[in-house]
Amino acid sequence: KSMGGEALTSIELTARGLVGDRRYAVRDAGDHLVSGKNSKRFRRHDEI
């Protein structure tokens, strides 16, 4: 999540979405998701 991604020619979709999409996330010490914005769930770290 929030990192650059990859182009695909074909992919399986499940109830969660594209298989392997947002499979991992970076979390800080407060268990917030690292992203480009601040909210209850997210913390802004543009370095991501």
ModelCIF file with pLDDT and N, C-alpha, C, O atoms, coordinates in Angstrom:
data_MODEL
#
_entry.id   MODEL 
#
_entity.id                         1 
_entity.type                       polymer 
_entity.pdbx_number_of_molecules   1 
#
_entity_poly.entity_id                      1 
_entity_poly.type                           'polypeptide(L)' 
_entity_poly.nstd_linkage                   no 
_entity_poly.nstd_monomer                   no 
_entity_poly.pdbx_seq_one_letter_code       KSMGGEALTSIELTARGLVGDRRYAVRDAGDHLVSGKNSKRFRRHDEI 
_entity_poly.pdbx_seq_one_letter_code_can   KSMGGEALTSIELTARGLVGDRRYAVRDAGDHLVSGKNSKRFRRHDEI 
_entity_poly.pdbx_strand_id                 A 
#
loop_
_entity_poly_seq.entity_id 
_entity_poly_seq.num 
_entity_poly_seq.mon_id 
_entity_poly_seq.hetero 
1 1  LYS n 
1 2  SER n 
1 3  MET n 
1 4  GLY n 
1 5  GLY n 
1 6  GLU n 
1 7  ALA n 
1 8  LEU n 
1 9  THR n 
1 10 SER n 
1 11 ILE n 
1 12 GLU n 
1 13 LEU n 
1 14 THR n 
1 15 ALA n 
1 16 ARG n 
1 17 GLY n 
1 18 LEU n 
1 19 VAL n 
1 20 GLY n 
1 21 ASP n 
1 22 ARG n 
1 23 ARG n 
1 24 TYR n 
1 25 ALA n 
1 26 VAL n 
1 27 ARG n 
1 28 ASP n 
1 29 ALA n 
1 30 GLY n 
1 31 ASP n 
1 32 HIS n 
1 33 LEU n 
1 34 VAL n 
1 35 SER n 
1 36 GLY n 
1 37 LYS n 
1 38 ASN n 
1 39 SER n 
1 40 LYS n 
1 41 ARG n 
1 42 PHE n 
1 43 ARG n 
1 44 ARG n 
1 45 HIS n 
1 46 ASP n 
1 47 GLU n 
1 48 ILE n 
#
_struct_asym.id          A 
_struct_asym.entity_id   1 
#
loop_
_ma_qa_metric.id 
_ma_qa_metric.mode 
_ma_qa_metric.name 
_ma_qa_metric.software_group_id 
_ma_qa_metric.type 
1 global pLDDT . pLDDT 
2 local  pLDDT . pLDDT 
#
_ma_qa_metric_global.metric_id      1 
_ma_qa_metric_global.metric_value   94.83 
_ma_qa_metric_global.model_id       1 
_ma_qa_metric_global.ordinal_id     1 
#
loop_
_ma_qa_metric_local.label_asym_id 
_ma_qa_metric_local.label_comp_id 
_ma_qa_metric_local.label_seq_id 
_ma_qa_metric_local.metric_id 
_ma_qa_metric_local.metric_value 
_ma_qa_metric_local.model_id 
_ma_qa_metric_local.ordinal_id 
A LYS 1  2 95.00 1 1  
A SER 2  2 96.00 1 2  
A MET 3  2 97.00 1 3  
A GLY 4  2 97.00 1 4  
A GLY 5  2 97.00 1 5  
A GLU 6  2 98.00 1 6  
A ALA 7  2 98.00 1 7  
A LEU 8  2 98.00 1 8  
A THR 9  2 98.00 1 9  
A SER 10 2 98.00 1 10 
A ILE 11 2 97.00 1 11 
A GLU 12 2 97.00 1 12 
A LEU 13 2 97.00 1 13 
A THR 14 2 96.00 1 14 
A ALA 15 2 94.00 1 15 
A ARG 16 2 93.00 1 16 
A GLY 17 2 95.00 1 17 
A LEU 18 2 97.00 1 18 
A VAL 19 2 96.00 1 19 
A GLY 20 2 95.00 1 20 
A ASP 21 2 96.00 1 21 
A ARG 22 2 94.00 1 22 
A ARG 23 2 94.00 1 23 
A TYR 24 2 96.00 1 24 
A ALA 25 2 95.00 1 25 
A VAL 26 2 96.00 1 26 
A ARG 27 2 96.00 1 27 
A ASP 28 2 94.00 1 28 
A ALA 29 2 92.00 1 29 
A GLY 30 2 93.00 1 30 
A ASP 31 2 93.00 1 31 
A HIS 32 2 94.00 1 32 
A LEU 33 2 94.00 1 33 
A VAL 34 2 95.00 1 34 
A SER 35 2 93.00 1 35 
A GLY 36 2 92.00 1 36 
A LYS 37 2 91.00 1 37 
A ASN 38 2 90.00 1 38 
A SER 39 2 91.00 1 39 
A LYS 40 2 91.00 1 40 
A ARG 41 2 90.00 1 41 
A PHE 42 2 93.00 1 42 
A ARG 43 2 94.00 1 43 
A ARG 44 2 95.00 1 44 
A HIS 45 2 95.00 1 45 
A ASP 46 2 95.00 1 46 
A GLU 47 2 95.00 1 47 
A ILE 48 2 96.00 1 48 
#
loop_
_atom_site.group_PDB 
_atom_site.id 
_atom_site.type_symbol 
_atom_site.label_atom_id 
_atom_site.label_alt_id 
_atom_site.label_comp_id 
_atom_site.label_asym_id 
_atom_site.label_entity_id 
_atom_site.label_seq_id 
_atom_site.pdbx_PDB_ins_code 
_atom_site.Cartn_x 
_atom_site.Cartn_y 
_atom_site.Cartn_z 
_atom_site.occupancy 
_atom_site.B_iso_or_equiv 
_atom_site.pdbx_formal_charge 
_atom_site.auth_seq_id 
_atom_site.auth_comp_id 
_atom_site.auth_asym_id 
_atom_site.auth_atom_id 
_atom_site.pdbx_PDB_model_num 
ATOM 1   N N  . LYS A 1 1  ? 0.831   -1.204  0.000   1.00 95.00 ? 1  LYS A N  1 
ATOM 2   C CA . LYS A 1 1  ? 0.000   0.000   0.000   1.00 95.00 ? 1  LYS A CA 1 
ATOM 3   C C  . LYS A 1 1  ? 0.868   1.257   0.000   1.00 95.00 ? 1  LYS A C  1 
ATOM 4   O O  . LYS A 1 1  ? 1.817   1.377   0.775   1.00 95.00 ? 1  LYS A O  1 
ATOM 5   N N  . SER A 1 2  ? 0.521   2.185   -0.883  1.00 96.00 ? 2  SER A N  1 
ATOM 6   C CA . SER A 1 2  ? 1.132   3.506   -1.038  1.00 96.00 ? 2  SER A CA 1 
ATOM 7   C C  . SER A 1 2  ? 2.460   3.490   -1.782  1.00 96.00 ? 2  SER A C  1 
ATOM 8   O O  . SER A 1 2  ? 2.951   4.551   -2.167  1.00 96.00 ? 2  SER A O  1 
ATOM 9   N N  . MET A 1 3  ? 3.054   2.327   -1.994  1.00 97.00 ? 3  MET A N  1 
ATOM 10  C CA . MET A 1 3  ? 4.248   2.258   -2.828  1.00 97.00 ? 3  MET A CA 1 
ATOM 11  C C  . MET A 1 3  ? 3.849   2.162   -4.296  1.00 97.00 ? 3  MET A C  1 
ATOM 12  O O  . MET A 1 3  ? 2.691   1.894   -4.614  1.00 97.00 ? 3  MET A O  1 
ATOM 13  N N  . GLY A 1 4  ? 4.825   2.385   -5.199  1.00 97.00 ? 4  GLY A N  1 
ATOM 14  C CA . GLY A 1 4  ? 4.588   2.191   -6.611  1.00 97.00 ? 4  GLY A CA 1 
ATOM 15  C C  . GLY A 1 4  ? 4.218   0.751   -6.895  1.00 97.00 ? 4  GLY A C  1 
ATOM 16  O O  . GLY A 1 4  ? 4.526   -0.142  -6.105  1.00 97.00 ? 4  GLY A O  1 
ATOM 17  N N  . GLY A 1 5  ? 3.550   0.518   -8.032  1.00 97.00 ? 5  GLY A N  1 
ATOM 18  C CA . GLY A 1 5  ? 3.026   -0.808  -8.325  1.00 97.00 ? 5  GLY A CA 1 
ATOM 19  C C  . GLY A 1 5  ? 3.563   -1.404  -9.603  1.00 97.00 ? 5  GLY A C  1 
ATOM 20  O O  . GLY A 1 5  ? 4.661   -1.071  -10.050 1.00 97.00 ? 5  GLY A O  1 
ATOM 21  N N  . GLU A 1 6  ? 2.770   -2.298  -10.194 1.00 98.00 ? 6  GLU A N  1 
ATOM 22  C CA . GLU A 1 6  ? 3.204   -3.055  -11.357 1.00 98.00 ? 6  GLU A CA 1 
ATOM 23  C C  . GLU A 1 6  ? 2.067   -3.213  -12.352 1.00 98.00 ? 6  GLU A C  1 
ATOM 24  O O  . GLU A 1 6  ? 0.910   -3.400  -11.972 1.00 98.00 ? 6  GLU A O  1 
ATOM 25  N N  . ALA A 1 7  ? 2.417   -3.135  -13.642 1.00 98.00 ? 7  ALA A N  1 
ATOM 26  C CA . ALA A 1 7  ? 1.457   -3.367  -14.718 1.00 98.00 ? 7  ALA A CA 1 
ATOM 27  C C  . ALA A 1 7  ? 1.285   -4.861  -14.926 1.00 98.00 ? 7  ALA A C  1 
ATOM 28  O O  . ALA A 1 7  ? 2.245   -5.623  -14.807 1.00 98.00 ? 7  ALA A O  1 
ATOM 29  N N  . LEU A 1 8  ? 0.069   -5.281  -15.235 1.00 98.00 ? 8  LEU A N  1 
ATOM 30  C CA . LEU A 1 8  ? -0.257  -6.685  -15.430 1.00 98.00 ? 8  LEU A CA 1 
ATOM 31  C C  . LEU A 1 8  ? -0.928  -6.876  -16.784 1.00 98.00 ? 8  LEU A C  1 
ATOM 32  O O  . LEU A 1 8  ? -1.522  -5.945  -17.328 1.00 98.00 ? 8  LEU A O  1 
ATOM 33  N N  . THR A 1 9  ? -0.831  -8.078  -17.320 1.00 98.00 ? 9  THR A N  1 
ATOM 34  C CA . THR A 1 9  ? -1.579  -8.417  -18.525 1.00 98.00 ? 9  THR A CA 1 
ATOM 35  C C  . THR A 1 9  ? -2.813  -9.250  -18.196 1.00 98.00 ? 9  THR A C  1 
ATOM 36  O O  . THR A 1 9  ? -3.767  -9.280  -18.974 1.00 98.00 ? 9  THR A O  1 
ATOM 37  N N  . SER A 1 10 ? -2.798  -9.928  -17.042 1.00 98.00 ? 10 SER A N  1 
ATOM 38  C CA . SER A 1 10 ? -3.906  -10.787 -16.633 1.00 98.00 ? 10 SER A CA 1 
ATOM 39  C C  . SER A 1 10 ? -3.822  -10.976 -15.132 1.00 98.00 ? 10 SER A C  1 
ATOM 40  O O  . SER A 1 10 ? -2.724  -11.020 -14.576 1.00 98.00 ? 10 SER A O  1 
ATOM 41  N N  . ILE A 1 11 ? -4.980  -11.090 -14.453 1.00 97.00 ? 11 ILE A N  1 
ATOM 42  C CA . ILE A 1 11 ? -4.966  -11.240 -13.005 1.00 97.00 ? 11 ILE A CA 1 
ATOM 43  C C  . ILE A 1 11 ? -6.280  -11.840 -12.520 1.00 97.00 ? 11 ILE A C  1 
ATOM 44  O O  . ILE A 1 11 ? -7.348  -11.553 -13.060 1.00 97.00 ? 11 ILE A O  1 
ATOM 45  N N  . GLU A 1 12 ? -6.180  -12.675 -11.494 1.00 97.00 ? 12 GLU A N  1 
ATOM 46  C CA . GLU A 1 12 ? -7.360  -13.211 -10.822 1.00 97.00 ? 12 GLU A CA 1 
ATOM 47  C C  . GLU A 1 12 ? -7.913  -12.160 -9.857  1.00 97.00 ? 12 GLU A C  1 
ATOM 48  O O  . GLU A 1 12 ? -7.162  -11.442 -9.197  1.00 97.00 ? 12 GLU A O  1 
ATOM 49  N N  . LEU A 1 13 ? -9.237  -12.088 -9.791  1.00 97.00 ? 13 LEU A N  1 
ATOM 50  C CA . LEU A 1 13 ? -9.914  -11.242 -8.814  1.00 97.00 ? 13 LEU A CA 1 
ATOM 51  C C  . LEU A 1 13 ? -10.686 -12.119 -7.845  1.00 97.00 ? 13 LEU A C  1 
ATOM 52  O O  . LEU A 1 13 ? -11.337 -13.087 -8.239  1.00 97.00 ? 13 LEU A O  1 
ATOM 53  N N  . THR A 1 14 ? -10.600 -11.758 -6.559  1.00 96.00 ? 14 THR A N  1 
ATOM 54  C CA . THR A 1 14 ? -11.377 -12.419 -5.515  1.00 96.00 ? 14 THR A CA 1 
ATOM 55  C C  . THR A 1 14 ? -12.213 -11.359 -4.814  1.00 96.00 ? 14 THR A C  1 
ATOM 56  O O  . THR A 1 14 ? -12.237 -10.203 -5.236  1.00 96.00 ? 14 THR A O  1 
ATOM 57  N N  . ALA A 1 15 ? -12.897 -11.750 -3.746  1.00 94.00 ? 15 ALA A N  1 
ATOM 58  C CA . ALA A 1 15 ? -13.736 -10.798 -3.022  1.00 94.00 ? 15 ALA A CA 1 
ATOM 59  C C  . ALA A 1 15 ? -12.927 -9.610  -2.504  1.00 94.00 ? 15 ALA A C  1 
ATOM 60  O O  . ALA A 1 15 ? -13.472 -8.520  -2.333  1.00 94.00 ? 15 ALA A O  1 
ATOM 61  N N  . ARG A 1 16 ? -11.639 -9.809  -2.253  1.00 93.00 ? 16 ARG A N  1 
ATOM 62  C CA . ARG A 1 16 ? -10.789 -8.727  -1.748  1.00 93.00 ? 16 ARG A CA 1 
ATOM 63  C C  . ARG A 1 16 ? -10.313 -7.801  -2.857  1.00 93.00 ? 16 ARG A C  1 
ATOM 64  O O  . ARG A 1 16 ? -9.904  -6.674  -2.581  1.00 93.00 ? 16 ARG A O  1 
ATOM 65  N N  . GLY A 1 17 ? -10.357 -8.254  -4.101  1.00 95.00 ? 17 GLY A N  1 
ATOM 66  C CA . GLY A 1 17 ? -9.881  -7.451  -5.215  1.00 95.00 ? 17 GLY A CA 1 
ATOM 67  C C  . GLY A 1 17 ? -8.887  -8.222  -6.046  1.00 95.00 ? 17 GLY A C  1 
ATOM 68  O O  . GLY A 1 17 ? -8.967  -9.448  -6.118  1.00 95.00 ? 17 GLY A O  1 
ATOM 69  N N  . LEU A 1 18 ? -7.937  -7.528  -6.687  1.00 97.00 ? 18 LEU A N  1 
ATOM 70  C CA . LEU A 1 18 ? -6.901  -8.197  -7.451  1.00 97.00 ? 18 LEU A CA 1 
ATOM 71  C C  . LEU A 1 18 ? -6.049  -9.038  -6.510  1.00 97.00 ? 18 LEU A C  1 
ATOM 72  O O  . LEU A 1 18 ? -5.629  -8.559  -5.456  1.00 97.00 ? 18 LEU A O  1 
ATOM 73  N N  . VAL A 1 19 ? -5.793  -10.276 -6.878  1.00 96.00 ? 19 VAL A N  1 
ATOM 74  C CA . VAL A 1 19 ? -4.957  -11.134 -6.039  1.00 96.00 ? 19 VAL A CA 1 
ATOM 75  C C  . VAL A 1 19 ? -3.591  -10.478 -5.865  1.00 96.00 ? 19 VAL A C  1 
ATOM 76  O O  . VAL A 1 19 ? -2.926  -10.148 -6.847  1.00 96.00 ? 19 VAL A O  1 
ATOM 77  N N  . GLY A 1 20 ? -3.179  -10.291 -4.617  1.00 95.00 ? 20 GLY A N  1 
ATOM 78  C CA . GLY A 1 20 ? -1.888  -9.677  -4.326  1.00 95.00 ? 20 GLY A CA 1 
ATOM 79  C C  . GLY A 1 20 ? -1.917  -8.174  -4.219  1.00 95.00 ? 20 GLY A C  1 
ATOM 80  O O  . GLY A 1 20 ? -0.895  -7.575  -3.885  1.00 95.00 ? 20 GLY A O  1 
ATOM 81  N N  . ASP A 1 21 ? -3.052  -7.527  -4.490  1.00 96.00 ? 21 ASP A N  1 
ATOM 82  C CA . ASP A 1 21 ? -3.139  -6.075  -4.392  1.00 96.00 ? 21 ASP A CA 1 
ATOM 83  C C  . ASP A 1 21 ? -3.215  -5.656  -2.929  1.00 96.00 ? 21 ASP A C  1 
ATOM 84  O O  . ASP A 1 21 ? -4.001  -6.199  -2.153  1.00 96.00 ? 21 ASP A O  1 
ATOM 85  N N  . ARG A 1 22 ? -2.373  -4.667  -2.563  1.00 94.00 ? 22 ARG A N  1 
ATOM 86  C CA . ARG A 1 22 ? -2.314  -4.193  -1.178  1.00 94.00 ? 22 ARG A CA 1 
ATOM 87  C C  . ARG A 1 22 ? -2.114  -5.372  -0.210  1.00 94.00 ? 22 ARG A C  1 
ATOM 88  O O  . ARG A 1 22 ? -2.665  -5.397  0.890   1.00 94.00 ? 22 ARG A O  1 
ATOM 89  N N  . ARG A 1 23 ? -1.321  -6.328  -0.649  1.00 94.00 ? 23 ARG A N  1 
ATOM 90  C CA . ARG A 1 23 ? -1.045  -7.504  0.194   1.00 94.00 ? 23 ARG A CA 1 
ATOM 91  C C  . ARG A 1 23 ? -0.313  -7.116  1.475   1.00 94.00 ? 23 ARG A C  1 
ATOM 92  O O  . ARG A 1 23 ? -0.542  -7.696  2.537   1.00 94.00 ? 23 ARG A O  1 
ATOM 93  N N  . TYR A 1 24 ? 0.570   -6.125  1.358   1.00 96.00 ? 24 TYR A N  1 
ATOM 94  C CA . TYR A 1 24 ? 1.336   -5.637  2.505   1.00 96.00 ? 24 TYR A CA 1 
ATOM 95  C C  . TYR A 1 24 ? 1.045   -4.164  2.729   1.00 96.00 ? 24 TYR A C  1 
ATOM 96  O O  . TYR A 1 24 ? 0.585   -3.454  1.834   1.00 96.00 ? 24 TYR A O  1 
ATOM 97  N N  . ALA A 1 25 ? 1.326   -3.727  3.946   1.00 95.00 ? 25 ALA A N  1 
ATOM 98  C CA . ALA A 1 25 ? 1.226   -2.310  4.282   1.00 95.00 ? 25 ALA A CA 1 
ATOM 99  C C  . ALA A 1 25 ? 2.331   -1.970  5.265   1.00 95.00 ? 25 ALA A C  1 
ATOM 100 O O  . ALA A 1 25 ? 2.802   -2.826  6.014   1.00 95.00 ? 25 ALA A O  1 
ATOM 101 N N  . VAL A 1 26 ? 2.737   -0.710  5.252   1.00 96.00 ? 26 VAL A N  1 
ATOM 102 C CA . VAL A 1 26 ? 3.708   -0.218  6.218   1.00 96.00 ? 26 VAL A CA 1 
ATOM 103 C C  . VAL A 1 26 ? 2.938   0.435   7.360   1.00 96.00 ? 26 VAL A C  1 
ATOM 104 O O  . VAL A 1 26 ? 2.053   1.262   7.141   1.00 96.00 ? 26 VAL A O  1 
ATOM 105 N N  . ARG A 1 27 ? 3.291   0.050   8.580   1.00 96.00 ? 27 ARG A N  1 
ATOM 106 C CA . ARG A 1 27 ? 2.633   0.606   9.764   1.00 96.00 ? 27 ARG A CA 1 
ATOM 107 C C  . ARG A 1 27 ? 3.673   1.227   10.695  1.00 96.00 ? 27 ARG A C  1 
ATOM 108 O O  . ARG A 1 27 ? 4.803   0.752   10.804  1.00 96.00 ? 27 ARG A O  1 
ATOM 109 N N  . ASP A 1 28 ? 3.253   2.306   11.364  1.00 94.00 ? 28 ASP A N  1 
ATOM 110 C CA . ASP A 1 28 ? 4.155   2.966   12.307  1.00 94.00 ? 28 ASP A CA 1 
ATOM 111 C C  . ASP A 1 28 ? 3.964   2.397   13.707  1.00 94.00 ? 28 ASP A C  1 
ATOM 112 O O  . ASP A 1 28 ? 3.224   1.430   13.892  1.00 94.00 ? 28 ASP A O  1 
ATOM 113 N N  . ALA A 1 29 ? 4.627   2.992   14.689  1.00 92.00 ? 29 ALA A N  1 
ATOM 114 C CA . ALA A 1 29 ? 4.574   2.472   16.052  1.00 92.00 ? 29 ALA A CA 1 
ATOM 115 C C  . ALA A 1 29 ? 3.176   2.544   16.654  1.00 92.00 ? 29 ALA A C  1 
ATOM 116 O O  . ALA A 1 29 ? 2.847   1.773   17.556  1.00 92.00 ? 29 ALA A O  1 
ATOM 117 N N  . GLY A 1 30 ? 2.353   3.465   16.159  1.00 93.00 ? 30 GLY A N  1 
ATOM 118 C CA . GLY A 1 30 ? 0.975   3.583   16.625  1.00 93.00 ? 30 GLY A CA 1 
ATOM 119 C C  . GLY A 1 30 ? 0.006   2.739   15.827  1.00 93.00 ? 30 GLY A C  1 
ATOM 120 O O  . GLY A 1 30 ? -1.207  2.857   16.000  1.00 93.00 ? 30 GLY A O  1 
ATOM 121 N N  . ASP A 1 31 ? 0.526   1.886   14.951  1.00 93.00 ? 31 ASP A N  1 
ATOM 122 C CA . ASP A 1 31 ? -0.243  0.982   14.108  1.00 93.00 ? 31 ASP A CA 1 
ATOM 123 C C  . ASP A 1 31 ? -1.047  1.709   13.039  1.00 93.00 ? 31 ASP A C  1 
ATOM 124 O O  . ASP A 1 31 ? -2.020  1.166   12.516  1.00 93.00 ? 31 ASP A O  1 
ATOM 125 N N  . HIS A 1 32 ? -0.645  2.937   12.710  1.00 94.00 ? 32 HIS A N  1 
ATOM 126 C CA . HIS A 1 32 ? -1.287  3.653   11.604  1.00 94.00 ? 32 HIS A CA 1 
ATOM 127 C C  . HIS A 1 32 ? -0.706  3.172   10.282  1.00 94.00 ? 32 HIS A C  1 
ATOM 128 O O  . HIS A 1 32 ? 0.465   2.798   10.207  1.00 94.00 ? 32 HIS A O  1 
ATOM 129 N N  . LEU A 1 33 ? -1.521  3.184   9.254   1.00 94.00 ? 33 LEU A N  1 
ATOM 130 C CA . LEU A 1 33 ? -1.062  2.874   7.904   1.00 94.00 ? 33 LEU A CA 1 
ATOM 131 C C  . LEU A 1 33 ? -0.300  4.073   7.344   1.00 94.00 ? 33 LEU A C  1 
ATOM 132 O O  . LEU A 1 33 ? -0.790  5.201   7.385   1.00 94.00 ? 33 LEU A O  1 
ATOM 133 N N  . VAL A 1 34 ? 0.880   3.826   6.830   1.00 95.00 ? 34 VAL A N  1 
ATOM 134 C CA . VAL A 1 34 ? 1.681   4.900   6.249   1.00 95.00 ? 34 VAL A CA 1 
ATOM 135 C C  . VAL A 1 34 ? 1.150   5.204   4.847   1.00 95.00 ? 34 VAL A C  1 
ATOM 136 O O  . VAL A 1 34 ? 0.975   4.301   4.030   1.00 95.00 ? 34 VAL A O  1 
ATOM 137 N N  . SER A 1 35 ? 0.896   6.487   4.582   1.00 93.00 ? 35 SER A N  1 
ATOM 138 C CA . SER A 1 35 ? 0.346   6.900   3.289   1.00 93.00 ? 35 SER A CA 1 
ATOM 139 C C  . SER A 1 35 ? 0.715   8.351   3.041   1.00 93.00 ? 35 SER A C  1 
ATOM 140 O O  . SER A 1 35 ? 1.678   8.861   3.613   1.00 93.00 ? 35 SER A O  1 
ATOM 141 N N  . GLY A 1 36 ? -0.054  9.013   2.187   1.00 92.00 ? 36 GLY A N  1 
ATOM 142 C CA . GLY A 1 36 ? 0.205   10.412  1.878   1.00 92.00 ? 36 GLY A CA 1 
ATOM 143 C C  . GLY A 1 36 ? -0.756  11.365  2.553   1.00 92.00 ? 36 GLY A C  1 
ATOM 144 O O  . GLY A 1 36 ? -0.860  12.522  2.148   1.00 92.00 ? 36 GLY A O  1 
ATOM 145 N N  . LYS A 1 37 ? -1.469  10.902  3.585   1.00 91.00 ? 37 LYS A N  1 
ATOM 146 C CA . LYS A 1 37 ? -2.431  11.767  4.257   1.00 91.00 ? 37 LYS A CA 1 
ATOM 147 C C  . LYS A 1 37 ? -2.506  11.406  5.732   1.00 91.00 ? 37 LYS A C  1 
ATOM 148 O O  . LYS A 1 37 ? -2.062  10.334  6.145   1.00 91.00 ? 37 LYS A O  1 
ATOM 149 N N  . ASN A 1 38 ? -3.072  12.312  6.517   1.00 90.00 ? 38 ASN A N  1 
ATOM 150 C CA . ASN A 1 38 ? -3.311  12.074  7.933   1.00 90.00 ? 38 ASN A CA 1 
ATOM 151 C C  . ASN A 1 38 ? -4.798  11.888  8.195   1.00 90.00 ? 38 ASN A C  1 
ATOM 152 O O  . ASN A 1 38 ? -5.626  12.666  7.721   1.00 90.00 ? 38 ASN A O  1 
ATOM 153 N N  . SER A 1 39 ? -5.123  10.857  8.950   1.00 91.00 ? 39 SER A N  1 
ATOM 154 C CA . SER A 1 39 ? -6.501  10.616  9.374   1.00 91.00 ? 39 SER A CA 1 
ATOM 155 C C  . SER A 1 39 ? -6.444  9.685   10.581  1.00 91.00 ? 39 SER A C  1 
ATOM 156 O O  . SER A 1 39 ? -5.367  9.419   11.114  1.00 91.00 ? 39 SER A O  1 
ATOM 157 N N  . LYS A 1 40 ? -7.587  9.197   11.002  1.00 91.00 ? 40 LYS A N  1 
ATOM 158 C CA . LYS A 1 40 ? -7.604  8.264   12.127  1.00 91.00 ? 40 LYS A CA 1 
ATOM 159 C C  . LYS A 1 40 ? -6.824  6.996   11.809  1.00 91.00 ? 40 LYS A C  1 
ATOM 160 O O  . LYS A 1 40 ? -6.145  6.453   12.681  1.00 91.00 ? 40 LYS A O  1 
ATOM 161 N N  . ARG A 1 41 ? -6.913  6.516   10.565  1.00 90.00 ? 41 ARG A N  1 
ATOM 162 C CA . ARG A 1 41 ? -6.247  5.274   10.155  1.00 90.00 ? 41 ARG A CA 1 
ATOM 163 C C  . ARG A 1 41 ? -4.855  5.498   9.585   1.00 90.00 ? 41 ARG A C  1 
ATOM 164 O O  . ARG A 1 41 ? -4.001  4.617   9.681   1.00 90.00 ? 41 ARG A O  1 
ATOM 165 N N  . PHE A 1 42 ? -4.610  6.683   8.984   1.00 93.00 ? 42 PHE A N  1 
ATOM 166 C CA . PHE A 1 42 ? -3.406  6.902   8.191   1.00 93.00 ? 42 PHE A CA 1 
ATOM 167 C C  . PHE A 1 42 ? -2.494  7.952   8.811   1.00 93.00 ? 42 PHE A C  1 
ATOM 168 O O  . PHE A 1 42 ? -2.937  8.835   9.546   1.00 93.00 ? 42 PHE A O  1 
ATOM 169 N N  . ARG A 1 43 ? -1.196  7.831   8.492   1.00 94.00 ? 43 ARG A N  1 
ATOM 170 C CA . ARG A 1 43 ? -0.222  8.849   8.835   1.00 94.00 ? 43 ARG A CA 1 
ATOM 171 C C  . ARG A 1 43 ? 0.571   9.208   7.581   1.00 94.00 ? 43 ARG A C  1 
ATOM 172 O O  . ARG A 1 43 ? 0.992   8.348   6.808   1.00 94.00 ? 43 ARG A O  1 
ATOM 173 N N  . ARG A 1 44 ? 0.753   10.504  7.418   1.00 95.00 ? 44 ARG A N  1 
ATOM 174 C CA . ARG A 1 44 ? 1.415   11.006  6.218   1.00 95.00 ? 44 ARG A CA 1 
ATOM 175 C C  . ARG A 1 44 ? 2.926   10.852  6.314   1.00 95.00 ? 44 ARG A C  1 
ATOM 176 O O  . ARG A 1 44 ? 3.558   11.377  7.231   1.00 95.00 ? 44 ARG A O  1 
ATOM 177 N N  . HIS A 1 45 ? 3.491   10.139  5.371   1.00 95.00 ? 45 HIS A N  1 
ATOM 178 C CA . HIS A 1 45 ? 4.933   10.027  5.182   1.00 95.00 ? 45 HIS A CA 1 
ATOM 179 C C  . HIS A 1 45 ? 5.171   9.937   3.672   1.00 95.00 ? 45 HIS A C  1 
ATOM 180 O O  . HIS A 1 45 ? 5.154   8.847   3.100   1.00 95.00 ? 45 HIS A O  1 
ATOM 181 N N  . ASP A 1 46 ? 5.390   11.085  3.032   1.00 95.00 ? 46 ASP A N  1 
ATOM 182 C CA . ASP A 1 46 ? 5.523   11.098  1.577   1.00 95.00 ? 46 ASP A CA 1 
ATOM 183 C C  . ASP A 1 46 ? 6.721   10.289  1.093   1.00 95.00 ? 46 ASP A C  1 
ATOM 184 O O  . ASP A 1 46 ? 6.812   9.965   -0.091  1.00 95.00 ? 46 ASP A O  1 
ATOM 185 N N  . GLU A 1 47 ? 7.638   9.962   1.996   1.00 95.00 ? 47 GLU A N  1 
ATOM 186 C CA . GLU A 1 47 ? 8.790   9.143   1.599   1.00 95.00 ? 47 GLU A CA 1 
ATOM 187 C C  . GLU A 1 47 ? 8.358   7.776   1.059   1.00 95.00 ? 47 GLU A C  1 
ATOM 188 O O  . GLU A 1 47 ? 9.096   7.146   0.300   1.00 95.00 ? 47 GLU A O  1 
ATOM 189 N N  . ILE A 1 48 ? 7.174   7.321   1.448   1.00 96.00 ? 48 ILE A N  1 
ATOM 190 C CA . ILE A 1 48 ? 6.693   6.010   1.001   1.00 96.00 ? 48 ILE A CA 1 
ATOM 191 C C  . ILE A 1 48 ? 6.563   5.951   -0.517  1.00 96.00 ? 48 ILE A C  1 
ATOM 192 O O  . ILE A 1 48 ? 6.171   4.920   -1.064  1.00 96.00 ? 48 ILE A O  1 
#
